[in-house]
């Protein structure tokens, strides 16, 4: 997977030439069913949460930290009115249906990428994938 990412990077930025790519990151992504991150604070229980960053974790975690601090302290700010506050996505299906759905989604996304690379046109598979995620 990293080799494909590096090849794409070099294709997008030919100025890189043969510059060494010395660091890579990969891992499981935490995501909600609708791909919308969320954060919030439940005052009665004292529990705060944040997650579902879908690959944008560094910047979003910093934003979530500031936002949760403001929710806990009751500090008014434009952050505490963002639509991700208290957002709840529809739950994933139970296993093994969740696995089947995720696997089908990955297959559809890879197929859409291949079709778009081959034709240069948007793939209809993306529409199907969006339906799966709703």
N, C-alpha and C. Protein backbone atom coordinates (compact mmCIF):
# COMPACT_ATOMS: atom_id res chain seq x y z
N UNK A 1 0.82 -1.20 0.00
CA UNK A 1 0.00 0.00 0.00
C UNK A 1 0.86 1.26 0.00
N UNK A 2 1.90 1.27 0.83
CA UNK A 2 2.75 2.45 0.90
C UNK A 2 3.44 2.72 -0.45
N UNK A 3 3.76 1.66 -1.16
CA UNK A 3 4.40 1.84 -2.47
C UNK A 3 3.48 2.56 -3.44
N UNK A 4 2.19 2.24 -3.38
CA UNK A 4 1.21 2.91 -4.26
C UNK A 4 1.08 4.38 -3.89
N UNK A 5 1.06 4.66 -2.60
CA UNK A 5 0.97 6.05 -2.14
C UNK A 5 2.20 6.83 -2.59
N UNK A 6 3.37 6.22 -2.44
CA UNK A 6 4.61 6.90 -2.86
C UNK A 6 4.61 7.13 -4.37
N UNK A 7 4.14 6.16 -5.14
CA UNK A 7 4.08 6.32 -6.60
C UNK A 7 3.14 7.47 -6.97
N UNK A 8 2.00 7.55 -6.29
CA UNK A 8 1.06 8.64 -6.55
C UNK A 8 1.66 9.98 -6.18
N UNK A 9 2.37 10.02 -5.06
CA UNK A 9 3.02 11.25 -4.61
C UNK A 9 4.03 11.73 -5.65
N UNK A 10 4.83 10.82 -6.16
CA UNK A 10 5.83 11.18 -7.16
C UNK A 10 5.18 11.60 -8.48
N UNK A 11 4.04 10.99 -8.81
CA UNK A 11 3.33 11.38 -10.03
C UNK A 11 2.75 12.79 -9.89
N UNK A 12 2.19 13.08 -8.71
CA UNK A 12 1.60 14.40 -8.48
C UNK A 12 2.65 15.50 -8.36
N UNK A 13 3.82 15.13 -7.81
CA UNK A 13 4.88 16.11 -7.58
C UNK A 13 6.19 15.63 -8.20
N UNK A 14 6.31 15.74 -9.53
CA UNK A 14 7.51 15.25 -10.20
C UNK A 14 8.80 15.91 -9.70
N UNK A 15 8.69 17.09 -9.11
CA UNK A 15 9.87 17.78 -8.60
C UNK A 15 10.57 16.96 -7.51
N UNK A 16 9.86 16.00 -6.92
CA UNK A 16 10.48 15.15 -5.90
C UNK A 16 11.62 14.31 -6.47
N UNK A 17 11.52 14.01 -7.76
CA UNK A 17 12.58 13.20 -8.38
C UNK A 17 12.80 11.92 -7.61
N UNK A 18 14.03 11.69 -7.23
CA UNK A 18 14.39 10.48 -6.49
C UNK A 18 14.59 10.76 -5.00
N UNK A 19 14.05 11.87 -4.51
CA UNK A 19 14.19 12.20 -3.08
C UNK A 19 13.66 11.04 -2.24
N UNK A 20 14.37 10.75 -1.19
CA UNK A 20 13.99 9.63 -0.32
C UNK A 20 12.74 9.97 0.47
N UNK A 21 11.82 9.04 0.53
CA UNK A 21 10.66 9.14 1.41
C UNK A 21 11.04 8.33 2.64
N UNK A 22 11.32 9.01 3.73
CA UNK A 22 11.91 8.35 4.89
C UNK A 22 10.90 7.91 5.95
N UNK A 23 9.69 8.46 5.93
CA UNK A 23 8.72 8.11 6.96
C UNK A 23 7.38 7.74 6.31
N UNK A 24 6.73 6.78 6.94
CA UNK A 24 5.41 6.34 6.47
C UNK A 24 4.55 6.07 7.69
N UNK A 25 3.27 6.21 7.49
CA UNK A 25 2.35 5.90 8.57
C UNK A 25 1.19 5.11 7.98
N UNK A 26 0.71 4.20 8.71
CA UNK A 26 -0.47 3.45 8.31
C UNK A 26 -1.08 2.81 9.53
N UNK A 27 -2.33 2.66 9.49
CA UNK A 27 -3.00 2.04 10.62
C UNK A 27 -4.49 2.04 10.44
N UNK A 28 -5.15 1.49 11.40
CA UNK A 28 -6.60 1.42 11.37
C UNK A 28 -7.18 2.82 11.53
N UNK A 29 -8.17 3.12 10.72
CA UNK A 29 -8.84 4.42 10.83
C UNK A 29 -10.12 4.23 11.64
N UNK A 30 -10.36 5.15 12.56
CA UNK A 30 -11.62 5.15 13.28
C UNK A 30 -12.60 6.02 12.52
N UNK A 31 -13.72 5.45 12.15
CA UNK A 31 -14.69 6.25 11.40
C UNK A 31 -16.10 5.86 11.77
N UNK A 32 -16.95 6.84 11.68
CA UNK A 32 -18.37 6.61 11.91
C UNK A 32 -19.01 6.17 10.60
N UNK A 33 -20.19 5.63 10.69
CA UNK A 33 -20.91 5.12 9.52
C UNK A 33 -21.06 6.19 8.44
N UNK A 34 -21.28 7.44 8.84
CA UNK A 34 -21.50 8.52 7.86
C UNK A 34 -20.24 9.33 7.58
N UNK A 35 -19.10 8.89 8.09
CA UNK A 35 -17.80 9.54 7.89
C UNK A 35 -17.74 10.94 8.50
N UNK A 36 -18.59 11.22 9.47
CA UNK A 36 -18.59 12.52 10.13
C UNK A 36 -18.00 12.34 11.53
N UNK A 37 -16.92 13.06 11.84
CA UNK A 37 -16.36 12.95 13.19
C UNK A 37 -17.33 13.56 14.20
N UNK A 38 -17.12 13.24 15.46
CA UNK A 38 -17.97 13.81 16.49
C UNK A 38 -17.18 14.03 17.77
N UNK A 39 -17.67 14.93 18.57
CA UNK A 39 -17.13 15.11 19.91
C UNK A 39 -18.23 15.69 20.77
N UNK A 40 -18.09 15.52 22.05
CA UNK A 40 -19.11 16.04 22.95
C UNK A 40 -18.74 15.80 24.39
N UNK A 41 -19.62 16.26 25.24
CA UNK A 41 -19.42 16.13 26.68
C UNK A 41 -20.78 15.92 27.33
N UNK A 42 -20.87 14.85 28.12
CA UNK A 42 -22.09 14.56 28.87
C UNK A 42 -21.85 14.98 30.31
N UNK A 43 -22.39 16.13 30.66
CA UNK A 43 -22.14 16.71 31.97
C UNK A 43 -22.57 15.80 33.13
N UNK A 44 -23.76 15.17 33.08
CA UNK A 44 -24.16 14.32 34.22
C UNK A 44 -23.18 13.17 34.50
N UNK A 45 -22.65 12.56 33.46
CA UNK A 45 -21.72 11.43 33.69
C UNK A 45 -20.27 11.89 33.78
N UNK A 46 -19.98 13.11 33.31
CA UNK A 46 -18.62 13.60 33.28
C UNK A 46 -17.79 13.00 32.15
N UNK A 47 -18.44 12.32 31.22
CA UNK A 47 -17.74 11.66 30.11
C UNK A 47 -17.68 12.58 28.89
N UNK A 48 -16.50 12.69 28.32
CA UNK A 48 -16.30 13.42 27.07
C UNK A 48 -15.82 12.43 26.03
N UNK A 49 -16.08 12.70 24.77
CA UNK A 49 -15.63 11.81 23.70
C UNK A 49 -15.28 12.61 22.46
N UNK A 50 -14.46 12.00 21.65
CA UNK A 50 -14.12 12.55 20.35
C UNK A 50 -13.59 11.41 19.50
N UNK A 51 -13.89 11.42 18.24
CA UNK A 51 -13.37 10.38 17.36
C UNK A 51 -14.00 10.40 16.00
N UNK A 52 -13.68 9.38 15.24
CA UNK A 52 -14.20 9.26 13.89
C UNK A 52 -13.56 10.23 12.92
N UNK A 53 -12.25 10.42 13.03
CA UNK A 53 -11.57 11.47 12.28
C UNK A 53 -11.30 11.12 10.82
N UNK A 54 -11.61 9.90 10.40
CA UNK A 54 -11.45 9.41 9.02
C UNK A 54 -10.16 9.85 8.34
N UNK A 55 -9.05 9.69 9.02
CA UNK A 55 -7.76 9.98 8.41
C UNK A 55 -7.26 11.39 8.60
N UNK A 56 -8.04 12.24 9.25
CA UNK A 56 -7.62 13.62 9.50
C UNK A 56 -7.34 13.83 10.98
N UNK A 57 -6.75 12.83 11.61
CA UNK A 57 -6.63 12.81 13.06
C UNK A 57 -5.77 13.88 13.69
N UNK A 58 -4.67 14.26 13.06
CA UNK A 58 -3.76 15.20 13.72
C UNK A 58 -4.45 16.54 13.95
N UNK A 59 -4.97 17.13 12.90
CA UNK A 59 -5.62 18.44 13.04
C UNK A 59 -6.93 18.33 13.80
N UNK A 60 -7.70 17.28 13.52
CA UNK A 60 -9.01 17.15 14.15
C UNK A 60 -8.88 16.85 15.65
N UNK A 61 -7.87 16.09 16.04
CA UNK A 61 -7.68 15.82 17.46
C UNK A 61 -7.35 17.09 18.23
N UNK A 62 -6.57 17.97 17.62
CA UNK A 62 -6.25 19.24 18.28
C UNK A 62 -7.53 20.07 18.44
N UNK A 63 -8.32 20.14 17.37
CA UNK A 63 -9.59 20.86 17.44
C UNK A 63 -10.51 20.24 18.50
N UNK A 64 -10.57 18.91 18.54
CA UNK A 64 -11.41 18.22 19.52
C UNK A 64 -10.95 18.52 20.94
N UNK A 65 -9.65 18.54 21.17
CA UNK A 65 -9.14 18.84 22.50
C UNK A 65 -9.56 20.21 22.99
N UNK A 66 -9.41 21.21 22.13
CA UNK A 66 -9.83 22.57 22.49
C UNK A 66 -11.35 22.62 22.71
N UNK A 67 -12.08 21.95 21.84
CA UNK A 67 -13.55 21.98 21.92
C UNK A 67 -14.03 21.31 23.20
N UNK A 68 -13.48 20.14 23.51
CA UNK A 68 -13.90 19.44 24.73
C UNK A 68 -13.54 20.24 25.97
N UNK A 69 -12.38 20.87 25.96
CA UNK A 69 -12.01 21.72 27.11
C UNK A 69 -13.04 22.83 27.30
N UNK A 70 -13.50 23.43 26.20
CA UNK A 70 -14.50 24.50 26.30
C UNK A 70 -15.86 23.96 26.74
N UNK A 71 -16.21 22.75 26.27
CA UNK A 71 -17.47 22.16 26.72
C UNK A 71 -17.43 21.85 28.21
N UNK A 72 -16.32 21.33 28.68
CA UNK A 72 -16.19 20.97 30.10
C UNK A 72 -16.21 22.22 30.98
N UNK A 73 -15.50 23.26 30.57
CA UNK A 73 -15.42 24.47 31.40
C UNK A 73 -16.58 25.43 31.18
N UNK A 74 -17.41 25.14 30.18
CA UNK A 74 -18.54 26.03 29.89
C UNK A 74 -18.11 27.32 29.21
N UNK A 75 -16.98 27.31 28.56
CA UNK A 75 -16.47 28.48 27.86
C UNK A 75 -17.19 28.66 26.54
N UNK A 76 -17.74 29.85 26.33
CA UNK A 76 -18.43 30.13 25.07
C UNK A 76 -17.40 30.34 23.96
N UNK A 77 -17.63 29.71 22.83
CA UNK A 77 -16.78 29.90 21.66
C UNK A 77 -17.53 29.44 20.42
N UNK A 78 -16.98 29.80 19.27
CA UNK A 78 -17.60 29.36 18.02
C UNK A 78 -17.42 27.86 17.82
N UNK A 79 -16.46 27.24 18.50
CA UNK A 79 -16.23 25.80 18.35
C UNK A 79 -17.37 24.98 18.93
N UNK A 80 -17.97 25.43 20.03
CA UNK A 80 -18.98 24.59 20.68
C UNK A 80 -20.31 24.59 19.92
N UNK A 81 -20.40 25.36 18.85
CA UNK A 81 -21.60 25.36 18.01
C UNK A 81 -21.39 24.61 16.69
N UNK A 82 -20.23 23.98 16.52
CA UNK A 82 -19.97 23.25 15.29
C UNK A 82 -20.89 22.04 15.18
N UNK A 83 -21.25 21.64 13.95
CA UNK A 83 -22.21 20.54 13.78
C UNK A 83 -21.73 19.18 14.27
N UNK A 84 -20.45 19.01 14.54
CA UNK A 84 -19.99 17.70 15.00
C UNK A 84 -20.20 17.51 16.50
N UNK A 85 -20.60 18.57 17.21
CA UNK A 85 -20.84 18.46 18.65
C UNK A 85 -22.08 17.59 18.88
N UNK A 86 -21.87 16.47 19.55
CA UNK A 86 -22.97 15.56 19.87
C UNK A 86 -23.51 14.78 18.68
N UNK A 87 -22.84 14.88 17.53
CA UNK A 87 -23.32 14.16 16.34
C UNK A 87 -23.30 12.65 16.59
N UNK A 88 -24.37 11.98 16.22
CA UNK A 88 -24.41 10.53 16.36
C UNK A 88 -24.80 9.92 15.02
N UNK A 89 -23.90 9.15 14.48
CA UNK A 89 -24.16 8.45 13.22
C UNK A 89 -24.93 7.17 13.50
N UNK A 90 -25.56 6.66 12.48
CA UNK A 90 -26.23 5.37 12.59
C UNK A 90 -25.18 4.31 12.92
N UNK A 91 -25.54 3.37 13.76
CA UNK A 91 -24.59 2.33 14.18
C UNK A 91 -24.29 1.37 13.03
N UNK A 92 -23.08 0.78 13.10
CA UNK A 92 -22.72 -0.26 12.15
C UNK A 92 -23.55 -1.51 12.44
N UNK A 93 -23.71 -2.34 11.45
CA UNK A 93 -24.41 -3.61 11.63
C UNK A 93 -23.58 -4.53 12.52
N UNK A 94 -24.23 -5.53 13.12
CA UNK A 94 -23.46 -6.49 13.94
C UNK A 94 -22.61 -7.39 13.04
N UNK A 95 -21.56 -7.98 13.63
CA UNK A 95 -20.73 -8.93 12.89
C UNK A 95 -21.57 -10.17 12.57
N UNK A 96 -21.38 -10.82 11.46
CA UNK A 96 -20.39 -10.56 10.42
C UNK A 96 -20.88 -9.59 9.35
N UNK A 97 -22.08 -9.04 9.53
CA UNK A 97 -22.62 -8.13 8.50
C UNK A 97 -21.76 -6.88 8.36
N UNK A 98 -21.21 -6.39 9.47
CA UNK A 98 -20.34 -5.21 9.38
C UNK A 98 -19.14 -5.52 8.51
N UNK A 99 -18.53 -6.68 8.74
CA UNK A 99 -17.35 -7.07 7.95
C UNK A 99 -17.70 -7.16 6.47
N UNK A 100 -18.84 -7.76 6.15
CA UNK A 100 -19.26 -7.88 4.75
C UNK A 100 -19.44 -6.49 4.14
N UNK A 101 -20.09 -5.59 4.87
CA UNK A 101 -20.31 -4.24 4.36
C UNK A 101 -19.01 -3.47 4.15
N UNK A 102 -18.11 -3.55 5.12
CA UNK A 102 -16.83 -2.83 5.00
C UNK A 102 -16.02 -3.42 3.85
N UNK A 103 -15.98 -4.73 3.76
CA UNK A 103 -15.23 -5.38 2.68
C UNK A 103 -15.81 -5.00 1.32
N UNK A 104 -17.14 -4.99 1.21
CA UNK A 104 -17.78 -4.59 -0.05
C UNK A 104 -17.47 -3.13 -0.37
N UNK A 105 -17.46 -2.28 0.65
CA UNK A 105 -17.13 -0.87 0.44
C UNK A 105 -15.71 -0.68 -0.06
N UNK A 106 -14.77 -1.40 0.52
CA UNK A 106 -13.37 -1.31 0.08
C UNK A 106 -13.23 -1.81 -1.35
N UNK A 107 -13.92 -2.89 -1.67
CA UNK A 107 -13.89 -3.44 -3.03
C UNK A 107 -14.47 -2.43 -4.03
N UNK A 108 -15.60 -1.79 -3.64
CA UNK A 108 -16.23 -0.82 -4.53
C UNK A 108 -15.33 0.41 -4.73
N UNK A 109 -14.70 0.88 -3.67
CA UNK A 109 -13.83 2.05 -3.78
C UNK A 109 -12.62 1.74 -4.67
N UNK A 110 -12.01 0.57 -4.49
CA UNK A 110 -10.86 0.19 -5.32
C UNK A 110 -11.29 0.05 -6.78
N UNK A 111 -12.46 -0.53 -7.01
CA UNK A 111 -12.97 -0.66 -8.37
C UNK A 111 -13.26 0.69 -9.00
N UNK A 112 -13.78 1.60 -8.21
CA UNK A 112 -14.05 2.96 -8.71
C UNK A 112 -12.75 3.65 -9.09
N UNK A 113 -11.73 3.50 -8.26
CA UNK A 113 -10.42 4.10 -8.58
C UNK A 113 -9.87 3.53 -9.89
N UNK A 114 -9.97 2.21 -10.06
CA UNK A 114 -9.46 1.59 -11.29
C UNK A 114 -10.25 2.07 -12.51
N UNK A 115 -11.57 2.14 -12.38
CA UNK A 115 -12.41 2.58 -13.50
C UNK A 115 -12.12 4.03 -13.86
N UNK A 116 -11.95 4.88 -12.86
CA UNK A 116 -11.66 6.29 -13.13
C UNK A 116 -10.28 6.46 -13.76
N UNK A 117 -9.32 5.66 -13.32
CA UNK A 117 -7.98 5.74 -13.92
C UNK A 117 -8.02 5.28 -15.37
N UNK A 118 -8.85 4.28 -15.65
CA UNK A 118 -8.95 3.73 -17.00
C UNK A 118 -9.71 4.66 -17.94
N UNK A 119 -10.82 5.26 -17.46
CA UNK A 119 -11.70 6.03 -18.34
C UNK A 119 -11.51 7.54 -18.24
N UNK A 120 -10.95 8.00 -17.13
CA UNK A 120 -10.83 9.43 -16.92
C UNK A 120 -12.16 10.08 -16.54
N UNK A 121 -13.17 9.27 -16.28
CA UNK A 121 -14.51 9.76 -15.93
C UNK A 121 -14.87 9.33 -14.51
N UNK A 122 -15.75 10.10 -13.83
CA UNK A 122 -16.20 9.67 -12.50
C UNK A 122 -16.91 8.31 -12.59
N UNK A 123 -16.67 7.48 -11.62
CA UNK A 123 -17.25 6.14 -11.60
C UNK A 123 -18.60 6.15 -10.91
N UNK A 124 -19.55 5.39 -11.44
CA UNK A 124 -20.86 5.25 -10.80
C UNK A 124 -20.77 4.44 -9.52
N UNK A 125 -19.69 3.71 -9.36
CA UNK A 125 -19.53 2.90 -8.15
C UNK A 125 -19.46 3.78 -6.91
N UNK A 126 -19.02 5.02 -7.07
CA UNK A 126 -18.97 5.93 -5.93
C UNK A 126 -20.39 6.20 -5.43
N UNK A 127 -21.34 6.34 -6.34
CA UNK A 127 -22.75 6.51 -5.93
C UNK A 127 -23.22 5.30 -5.15
N UNK A 128 -22.88 4.10 -5.61
CA UNK A 128 -23.26 2.88 -4.90
C UNK A 128 -22.64 2.83 -3.51
N UNK A 129 -21.38 3.22 -3.43
CA UNK A 129 -20.70 3.22 -2.14
C UNK A 129 -21.36 4.21 -1.18
N UNK A 130 -21.72 5.38 -1.68
CA UNK A 130 -22.41 6.36 -0.83
C UNK A 130 -23.73 5.83 -0.33
N UNK A 131 -24.44 5.08 -1.14
CA UNK A 131 -25.69 4.46 -0.70
C UNK A 131 -25.43 3.45 0.42
N UNK A 132 -24.36 2.69 0.28
CA UNK A 132 -23.99 1.71 1.29
C UNK A 132 -23.72 2.38 2.64
N UNK A 133 -23.10 3.55 2.59
CA UNK A 133 -22.72 4.23 3.83
C UNK A 133 -23.88 4.96 4.52
N UNK A 134 -24.94 5.19 3.81
CA UNK A 134 -26.08 5.90 4.44
C UNK A 134 -26.82 5.06 5.42
